[in-house]
Amino acid sequence: MNISRSTSGRGCGLVAIGLIALATIVSNAYAQDAGQPKKTGKVLMPLGDATEAMDTLYPFFRLAEEGYDVVVAGPEARLYHMVLHEVPPNSDVPWDLTQETPGYHIKAEVAFRDVNPEDYTGLFLSGGRAPEYIRYDKDLMRITKHFLKEEKPIAVVCHGIEILAAAGGLQGGRRATTVGKCALDITQTGGVYVNKPYVVDGNVVSAATWHDYGTPFFKIFIEKMLQFAE
């Protein structure tokens, strides 16, 4: 009898262990699915020194949350300096425009010259001072023109409009918004400046500044990428 009980108990114990193991596997699989969404495509984010931190970091993480592989590109594959642009709220001497202060650093994993734009579903053009100089990069222009020609989704915020303008993306009366001091970058290159938080015109979704990220800006950009991938 003692042997019988011992065998029975051991069998119940093995069943219990098996159930626990199965539950652990299912739980881990669920947690993995919940924490790591399936990759739905690649988004290219070109930048350089003095890219604005809020302009850049929020979309970097927000789009990754949706399952996109956000690839940072620069003139070279290296670390870049980010900056903060803000009108100081309590300055003794008022500012007519934003003050620039040092921010975080971000690494570009690929140089513009090594980017094959056919590998990407979307393009995100962030702001700061970086667009002032990277718009002269011939490979960045090659990349941007590919997205325009193929009518792939493009999101642009603040000074990022300077890249789109340099690539001829505003010609023919394309409507877009940007920070007020960059309105001429739209109107002088054939576009129409719209003084609104965000504007949608074809495959281009623009936001005036990062303060307008709370609008449907990201939702529309993501929807356009999903539609393009169908």
C-alpha atoms as a PDB file:
ATOM      1  CA  MET A   1       0.000   0.000   0.000  1.00  0.00           C
ATOM      2  CA  ASN A   2       2.766   2.362   0.859  1.00  0.00           C
ATOM      3  CA  ILE A   3       4.377   1.739  -2.514  1.00  0.00           C
ATOM      4  CA  SER A   4       1.051   2.244  -4.257  1.00  0.00           C
ATOM      5  CA  ARG A   5       0.472   5.558  -2.531  1.00  0.00           C
ATOM      6  CA  SER A   6       3.988   6.684  -3.310  1.00  0.00           C
ATOM      7  CA  THR A   7       3.561   5.847  -6.996  1.00  0.00           C
ATOM      8  CA  SER A   8       0.197   7.577  -7.129  1.00  0.00           C
ATOM      9  CA  GLY A   9       1.580  10.666  -5.468  1.00  0.00           C
ATOM     10  CA  ARG A  10       4.528  10.724  -7.808  1.00  0.00           C
ATOM     11  CA  GLY A  11       2.151  10.517 -10.791  1.00  0.00           C
ATOM     12  CA  CYS A  12       0.061  13.398  -9.509  1.00  0.00           C
ATOM     13  CA  GLY A  13       3.232  15.340  -8.941  1.00  0.00           C
ATOM     14  CA  LEU A  14       4.361  14.769 -12.510  1.00  0.00           C
ATOM     15  CA  VAL A  15       0.981  15.879 -13.850  1.00  0.00           C
ATOM     16  CA  ALA A  16       1.136  18.999 -11.707  1.00  0.00           C
ATOM     17  CA  ILE A  17       4.643  19.772 -12.918  1.00  0.00           C
ATOM     18  CA  GLY A  18       3.525  19.232 -16.495  1.00  0.00           C
ATOM     19  CA  LEU A  19       0.599  21.629 -16.088  1.00  0.00           C
ATOM     20  CA  ILE A  20       2.840  24.243 -14.491  1.00  0.00           C
ATOM     21  CA  ALA A  21       5.361  23.905 -17.319  1.00  0.00           C
ATOM     22  CA  LEU A  22       2.602  24.255 -19.941  1.00  0.00           C
ATOM     23  CA  ALA A  23       1.202  27.306 -18.182  1.00  0.00           C
ATOM     24  CA  THR A  24       4.677  28.847 -18.048  1.00  0.00           C
ATOM     25  CA  ILE A  25       5.240  28.277 -21.771  1.00  0.00           C
ATOM     26  CA  VAL A  26       1.872  29.819 -22.671  1.00  0.00           C
ATOM     27  CA  SER A  27       2.452  32.733 -20.296  1.00  0.00           C
ATOM     28  CA  ASN A  28       5.906  33.423 -21.708  1.00  0.00           C
ATOM     29  CA  ALA A  29       4.638  33.228 -25.275  1.00  0.00           C
ATOM     30  CA  TYR A  30       1.838  35.659 -24.471  1.00  0.00           C
ATOM     31  CA  ALA A  31       4.219  38.037 -22.725  1.00  0.00           C
ATOM     32  CA  GLN A  32       6.587  37.894 -25.679  1.00  0.00           C
ATOM     33  CA  ASP A  33       3.779  38.668 -28.126  1.00  0.00           C
ATOM     34  CA  ALA A  34       2.498  41.483 -25.927  1.00  0.00           C
ATOM     35  CA  GLY A  35       5.918  43.018 -25.320  1.00  0.00           C
ATOM     36  CA  GLN A  36       7.403  42.536 -28.773  1.00  0.00           C
ATOM     37  CA  PRO A  37       4.924  43.292 -31.553  1.00  0.00           C
ATOM     38  CA  LYS A  38       5.502  41.709 -34.926  1.00  0.00           C
ATOM     39  CA  LYS A  39       7.659  43.792 -37.216  1.00  0.00           C
ATOM     40  CA  THR A  40       5.424  45.479 -39.757  1.00  0.00           C
ATOM     41  CA  GLY A  41       8.066  47.248 -41.816  1.00  0.00           C
ATOM     42  CA  LYS A  42      10.978  49.649 -41.637  1.00  0.00           C
ATOM     43  CA  VAL A  43      10.852  53.415 -41.158  1.00  0.00           C
ATOM     44  CA  LEU A  44      13.883  55.504 -42.075  1.00  0.00           C
ATOM     45  CA  MET A  45      14.733  58.438 -39.814  1.00  0.00           C
ATOM     46  CA  PRO A  46      17.500  60.628 -41.282  1.00  0.00           C
ATOM     47  CA  LEU A  47      19.184  63.089 -38.944  1.00  0.00           C
ATOM     48  CA  GLY A  48      22.427  64.829 -38.050  1.00  0.00           C
ATOM     49  CA  ASP A  49      23.959  66.961 -35.325  1.00  0.00           C
ATOM     50  CA  ALA A  50      21.510  69.302 -33.583  1.00  0.00           C
ATOM     51  CA  THR A  51      18.468  67.168 -34.306  1.00  0.00           C
ATOM     52  CA  GLU A  52      15.742  68.211 -31.861  1.00  0.00           C
ATOM     53  CA  ALA A  53      15.283  65.683 -29.051  1.00  0.00           C
ATOM     54  CA  MET A  54      11.485  65.752 -28.729  1.00  0.00           C
ATOM     55  CA  ASP A  55      11.019  65.860 -32.507  1.00  0.00           C
ATOM     56  CA  THR A  56      13.113  62.719 -32.791  1.00  0.00           C
ATOM     57  CA  LEU A  57      12.777  60.543 -29.708  1.00  0.00           C
ATOM     58  CA  TYR A  58       8.994  60.416 -29.474  1.00  0.00           C
ATOM     59  CA  PRO A  59       8.506  59.027 -33.013  1.00  0.00           C
ATOM     60  CA  PHE A  60      11.516  56.750 -32.540  1.00  0.00           C
ATOM     61  CA  PHE A  61       9.751  54.949 -29.691  1.00  0.00           C
ATOM     62  CA  ARG A  62       6.155  55.498 -30.809  1.00  0.00           C
ATOM     63  CA  LEU A  63       6.641  53.846 -34.194  1.00  0.00           C
ATOM     64  CA  ALA A  64       8.630  50.994 -32.628  1.00  0.00           C
ATOM     65  CA  GLU A  65       5.672  50.433 -30.320  1.00  0.00           C
ATOM     66  CA  GLU A  66       3.576  49.789 -33.428  1.00  0.00           C
ATOM     67  CA  GLY A  67       6.036  47.145 -34.564  1.00  0.00           C
ATOM     68  CA  TYR A  68       8.096  49.198 -36.995  1.00  0.00           C
ATOM     69  CA  ASP A  69      11.862  48.899 -37.176  1.00  0.00           C
ATOM     70  CA  VAL A  70      12.954  52.536 -36.940  1.00  0.00           C
ATOM     71  CA  VAL A  71      16.354  52.893 -38.601  1.00  0.00           C
ATOM     72  CA  VAL A  72      18.332  56.043 -37.807  1.00  0.00           C
ATOM     73  CA  ALA A  73      20.573  57.230 -40.643  1.00  0.00           C
ATOM     74  CA  GLY A  74      23.077  60.072 -40.814  1.00  0.00           C
ATOM     75  CA  PRO A  75      25.847  61.475 -43.006  1.00  0.00           C
ATOM     76  CA  GLU A  76      27.997  58.819 -41.320  1.00  0.00           C
ATOM     77  CA  ALA A  77      27.147  55.848 -39.088  1.00  0.00           C
ATOM     78  CA  ARG A  78      28.099  57.348 -35.712  1.00  0.00           C
ATOM     79  CA  LEU A  79      26.771  59.109 -32.623  1.00  0.00           C
ATOM     80  CA  TYR A  80      25.044  62.478 -33.113  1.00  0.00           C
ATOM     81  CA  HIS A  81      24.302  65.321 -30.728  1.00  0.00           C
ATOM     82  CA  MET A  82      20.670  66.105 -29.991  1.00  0.00           C
ATOM     83  CA  VAL A  83      19.461  69.509 -28.786  1.00  0.00           C
ATOM     84  CA  LEU A  84      16.460  70.955 -26.996  1.00  0.00           C
ATOM     85  CA  HIS A  85      14.603  73.888 -28.569  1.00  0.00           C
ATOM     86  CA  GLU A  86      12.387  75.861 -26.219  1.00  0.00           C
ATOM     87  CA  VAL A  87      11.336  79.445 -25.630  1.00  0.00           C
ATOM     88  CA  PRO A  88      12.453  79.912 -21.992  1.00  0.00           C
ATOM     89  CA  PRO A  89       9.365  80.522 -19.836  1.00  0.00           C
ATOM     90  CA  ASN A  90      11.159  82.613 -17.198  1.00  0.00           C
ATOM     91  CA  SER A  91      13.891  84.496 -19.026  1.00  0.00           C
ATOM     92  CA  ASP A  92      14.937  87.941 -17.777  1.00  0.00           C
ATOM     93  CA  VAL A  93      15.410  88.975 -21.394  1.00  0.00           C
ATOM     94  CA  PRO A  94      12.586  87.675 -23.658  1.00  0.00           C
ATOM     95  CA  TRP A  95      13.394  85.419 -26.611  1.00  0.00           C
ATOM     96  CA  ASP A  96      11.808  85.963 -30.023  1.00  0.00           C
ATOM     97  CA  LEU A  97      12.584  82.364 -30.979  1.00  0.00           C
ATOM     98  CA  THR A  98      13.673  79.159 -29.301  1.00  0.00           C
ATOM     99  CA  GLN A  99      16.762  78.846 -27.167  1.00  0.00           C
ATOM    100  CA  GLU A 100      18.982  75.859 -27.910  1.00  0.00           C
ATOM    101  CA  THR A 101      20.465  73.714 -25.154  1.00  0.00           C
ATOM    102  CA  PRO A 102      22.353  70.379 -25.298  1.00  0.00           C
ATOM    103  CA  GLY A 103      20.298  67.183 -25.277  1.00  0.00           C
ATOM    104  CA  TYR A 104      20.893  63.454 -25.500  1.00  0.00           C
ATOM    105  CA  HIS A 105      22.916  61.552 -28.087  1.00  0.00           C
ATOM    106  CA  ILE A 106      21.560  59.177 -30.703  1.00  0.00           C
ATOM    107  CA  LYS A 107      23.391  56.704 -32.910  1.00  0.00           C
ATOM    108  CA  ALA A 108      22.901  56.450 -36.657  1.00  0.00           C
ATOM    109  CA  GLU A 109      23.294  52.814 -37.599  1.00  0.00           C
ATOM    110  CA  VAL A 110      23.728  53.488 -41.305  1.00  0.00           C
ATOM    111  CA  ALA A 111      25.174  56.258 -43.496  1.00  0.00           C
ATOM    112  CA  PHE A 112      22.952  57.914 -46.105  1.00  0.00           C
ATOM    113  CA  ARG A 113      25.098  56.562 -48.929  1.00  0.00           C
ATOM    114  CA  ASP A 114      24.448  52.978 -47.809  1.00  0.00           C
ATOM    115  CA  VAL A 115      20.659  53.281 -47.583  1.00  0.00           C
ATOM    116  CA  ASN A 116      18.521  51.417 -50.097  1.00  0.00           C
ATOM    117  CA  PRO A 117      15.190  53.281 -49.877  1.00  0.00           C
ATOM    118  CA  GLU A 118      13.352  50.341 -51.434  1.00  0.00           C
ATOM    119  CA  ASP A 119      13.796  48.517 -48.116  1.00  0.00           C
ATOM    120  CA  TYR A 120      11.639  51.054 -46.252  1.00  0.00           C
ATOM    121  CA  THR A 121       7.911  51.563 -45.906  1.00  0.00           C
ATOM    122  CA  GLY A 122       7.988  55.083 -44.454  1.00  0.00           C
ATOM    123  CA  LEU A 123      10.194  58.136 -44.016  1.00  0.00           C
ATOM    124  CA  PHE A 124      10.180  60.328 -40.884  1.00  0.00           C
ATOM    125  CA  LEU A 125      11.815  63.766 -41.164  1.00  0.00           C
ATOM    126  CA  SER A 126      12.424  65.283 -37.740  1.00  0.00           C
ATOM    127  CA  GLY A 127      13.429  68.859 -36.970  1.00  0.00           C
ATOM    128  CA  GLY A 128      16.038  70.855 -35.123  1.00  0.00           C
ATOM    129  CA  ARG A 129      18.963  72.471 -36.941  1.00  0.00           C
ATOM    130  CA  ALA A 130      20.115  69.222 -38.558  1.00  0.00           C
ATOM    131  CA  PRO A 131      17.981  69.652 -41.703  1.00  0.00           C
ATOM    132  CA  GLU A 132      19.826  72.917 -42.454  1.00  0.00           C
ATOM    133  CA  TYR A 133      22.939  70.994 -43.467  1.00  0.00           C
ATOM    134  CA  ILE A 134      21.902  67.430 -44.204  1.00  0.00           C
ATOM    135  CA  ARG A 135      19.581  68.680 -46.975  1.00  0.00           C
ATOM    136  CA  TYR A 136      22.760  69.280 -49.007  1.00  0.00           C
ATOM    137  CA  ASP A 137      23.631  65.582 -48.870  1.00  0.00           C
ATOM    138  CA  LYS A 138      23.090  64.117 -52.347  1.00  0.00           C
ATOM    139  CA  ASP A 139      22.311  60.665 -50.977  1.00  0.00           C
ATOM    140  CA  LEU A 140      19.653  62.020 -48.624  1.00  0.00           C
ATOM    141  CA  MET A 141      18.095  63.774 -51.615  1.00  0.00           C
ATOM    142  CA  ARG A 142      18.220  60.498 -53.557  1.00  0.00           C
ATOM    143  CA  ILE A 143      16.432  58.754 -50.688  1.00  0.00           C
ATOM    144  CA  THR A 144      13.774  61.441 -50.243  1.00  0.00           C
ATOM    145  CA  LYS A 145      13.055  61.625 -53.971  1.00  0.00           C
ATOM    146  CA  HIS A 146      12.471  57.868 -53.996  1.00  0.00           C
ATOM    147  CA  PHE A 147       9.716  58.229 -51.398  1.00  0.00           C
ATOM    148  CA  LEU A 148       8.177  61.072 -53.363  1.00  0.00           C
ATOM    149  CA  LYS A 149       8.290  59.246 -56.689  1.00  0.00           C
ATOM    150  CA  GLU A 150       6.883  56.002 -55.264  1.00  0.00           C
ATOM    151  CA  GLU A 151       4.330  57.934 -53.161  1.00  0.00           C
ATOM    152  CA  LYS A 152       5.444  56.174 -49.998  1.00  0.00           C
ATOM    153  CA  PRO A 153       4.261  57.648 -46.671  1.00  0.00           C
ATOM    154  CA  ILE A 154       6.326  60.596 -45.428  1.00  0.00           C
ATOM    155  CA  ALA A 155       5.919  62.244 -42.012  1.00  0.00           C
ATOM    156  CA  VAL A 156       7.602  65.576 -41.391  1.00  0.00           C
ATOM    157  CA  VAL A 157       7.741  67.867 -38.372  1.00  0.00           C
ATOM    158  CA  CYS A 158       9.050  71.400 -37.834  1.00  0.00           C
ATOM    159  CA  HIS A 159      12.384  72.077 -39.625  1.00  0.00           C
ATOM    160  CA  GLY A 160      12.207  68.672 -41.293  1.00  0.00           C
ATOM    161  CA  ILE A 161      10.232  70.481 -43.998  1.00  0.00           C
ATOM    162  CA  GLU A 162      13.576  71.871 -45.249  1.00  0.00           C
ATOM    163  CA  ILE A 163      14.565  68.376 -46.413  1.00  0.00           C
ATOM    164  CA  LEU A 164      11.287  67.839 -48.220  1.00  0.00           C
ATOM    165  CA  ALA A 165      11.537  71.278 -49.841  1.00  0.00           C
ATOM    166  CA  ALA A 166      15.117  70.656 -51.027  1.00  0.00           C
ATOM    167  CA  ALA A 167      14.004  67.409 -52.682  1.00  0.00           C
ATOM    168  CA  GLY A 168      11.255  69.196 -54.616  1.00  0.00           C
ATOM    169  CA  GLY A 169       8.515  67.572 -52.587  1.00  0.00           C
ATOM    170  CA  LEU A 170       6.408  70.722 -52.265  1.00  0.00           C
ATOM    171  CA  GLN A 171       6.238  71.698 -55.924  1.00  0.00           C
ATOM    172  CA  GLY A 172       2.873  71.961 -57.598  1.00  0.00           C
ATOM    173  CA  GLY A 173       1.062  73.462 -54.638  1.00  0.00           C
ATOM    174  CA  ARG A 174       1.436  70.706 -52.046  1.00  0.00           C
ATOM    175  CA  ARG A 175      -0.137  71.802 -48.766  1.00  0.00           C
ATOM    176  CA  ALA A 176       1.915  71.438 -45.589  1.00  0.00           C
ATOM    177  CA  THR A 177       2.483  72.956 -42.190  1.00  0.00           C
ATOM    178  CA  THR A 178       5.636  73.685 -40.216  1.00  0.00           C
ATOM    179  CA  VAL A 179       6.864  75.992 -37.471  1.00  0.00           C
ATOM    180  CA  GLY A 180       5.989  79.548 -38.486  1.00  0.00           C
ATOM    181  CA  LYS A 181       9.576  80.663 -39.103  1.00  0.00           C
ATOM    182  CA  CYS A 182       9.959  77.938 -41.767  1.00  0.00           C
ATOM    183  CA  ALA A 183       6.836  78.878 -43.740  1.00  0.00           C
ATOM    184  CA  LEU A 184       8.987  80.370 -46.505  1.00  0.00           C
ATOM    185  CA  ASP A 185      10.616  76.969 -47.026  1.00  0.00           C
ATOM    186  CA  ILE A 186       7.193  75.839 -48.208  1.00  0.00           C
ATOM    187  CA  THR A 187       5.986  78.842 -50.184  1.00  0.00           C
ATOM    188  CA  GLN A 188       9.293  79.571 -51.940  1.00  0.00           C
ATOM    189  CA  THR A 189       9.572  76.011 -53.235  1.00  0.00           C
ATOM    190  CA  GLY A 190       6.112  75.765 -54.781  1.00  0.00           C
ATOM    191  CA  GLY A 191       4.052  74.647 -51.787  1.00  0.00           C
ATOM    192  CA  VAL A 192       1.182  76.138 -49.814  1.00  0.00           C
ATOM    193  CA  TYR A 193       1.743  76.888 -46.137  1.00  0.00           C
ATOM    194  CA  VAL A 194      -1.229  75.989 -43.940  1.00  0.00           C
ATOM    195  CA  ASN A 195      -1.204  77.400 -40.418  1.00  0.00           C
ATOM    196  CA  LYS A 196      -2.658  74.340 -38.688  1.00  0.00           C
ATOM    197  CA  PRO A 197      -1.297  71.789 -36.182  1.00  0.00           C
ATOM    198  CA  TYR A 198      -1.153  69.055 -38.825  1.00  0.00           C
ATOM    199  CA  VAL A 199      -1.881  68.760 -42.535  1.00  0.00           C
ATOM    200  CA  VAL A 200      -2.378  65.765 -44.831  1.00  0.00           C
ATOM    201  CA  ASP A 201      -1.709  66.071 -48.568  1.00  0.00           C
ATOM    202  CA  GLY A 202      -1.339  62.834 -50.485  1.00  0.00           C
ATOM    203  CA  ASN A 203       1.431  60.695 -49.057  1.00  0.00           C
ATOM    204  CA  VAL A 204       2.810  63.532 -46.899  1.00  0.00           C
ATOM    205  CA  VAL A 205       1.652  64.139 -43.320  1.00  0.00           C
ATOM    206  CA  SER A 206       3.121  67.229 -41.675  1.00  0.00           C
ATOM    207  CA  ALA A 207       3.027  68.582 -38.115  1.00  0.00           C
ATOM    208  CA  ALA A 208       3.968  72.111 -37.148  1.00  0.00           C
ATOM    209  CA  THR A 209       6.041  71.197 -34.070  1.00  0.00           C
ATOM    210  CA  TRP A 210       6.343  68.350 -31.566  1.00  0.00           C
ATOM    211  CA  HIS A 211       3.676  70.105 -29.499  1.00  0.00           C
ATOM    212  CA  ASP A 212       1.243  68.843 -32.151  1.00  0.00           C
ATOM    213  CA  TYR A 213       2.086  65.159 -31.704  1.00  0.00           C
ATOM    214  CA  GLY A 214      -1.168  64.787 -29.757  1.00  0.00           C
ATOM    215  CA  THR A 215      -3.195  65.285 -32.956  1.00  0.00           C
ATOM    216  CA  PRO A 216      -4.073  62.453 -35.407  1.00  0.00           C
ATOM    217  CA  PHE A 217      -0.642  63.031 -37.019  1.00  0.00           C
ATOM    218  CA  PHE A 218       0.861  59.671 -36.019  1.00  0.00           C
ATOM    219  CA  LYS A 219      -2.365  57.741 -36.452  1.00  0.00           C
ATOM    220  CA  ILE A 220      -2.672  58.926 -40.050  1.00  0.00           C
ATOM    221  CA  PHE A 221       1.001  58.248 -40.838  1.00  0.00           C
ATOM    222  CA  ILE A 222       0.714  54.702 -39.479  1.00  0.00           C
ATOM    223  CA  GLU A 223      -2.528  54.102 -41.389  1.00  0.00           C
ATOM    224  CA  LYS A 224      -0.852  55.228 -44.601  1.00  0.00           C
ATOM    225  CA  MET A 225       2.043  52.830 -44.051  1.00  0.00           C
ATOM    226  CA  LEU A 226      -0.337  49.958 -43.405  1.00  0.00           C
ATOM    227  CA  GLN A 227      -2.278  50.793 -46.566  1.00  0.00           C
ATOM    228  CA  PHE A 228       0.919  51.058 -48.615  1.00  0.00           C
ATOM    229  CA  ALA A 229       2.070  47.644 -47.404  1.00  0.00           C
ATOM    230  CA  GLU A 230      -1.149  45.900 -48.487  1.00  0.00           C
END
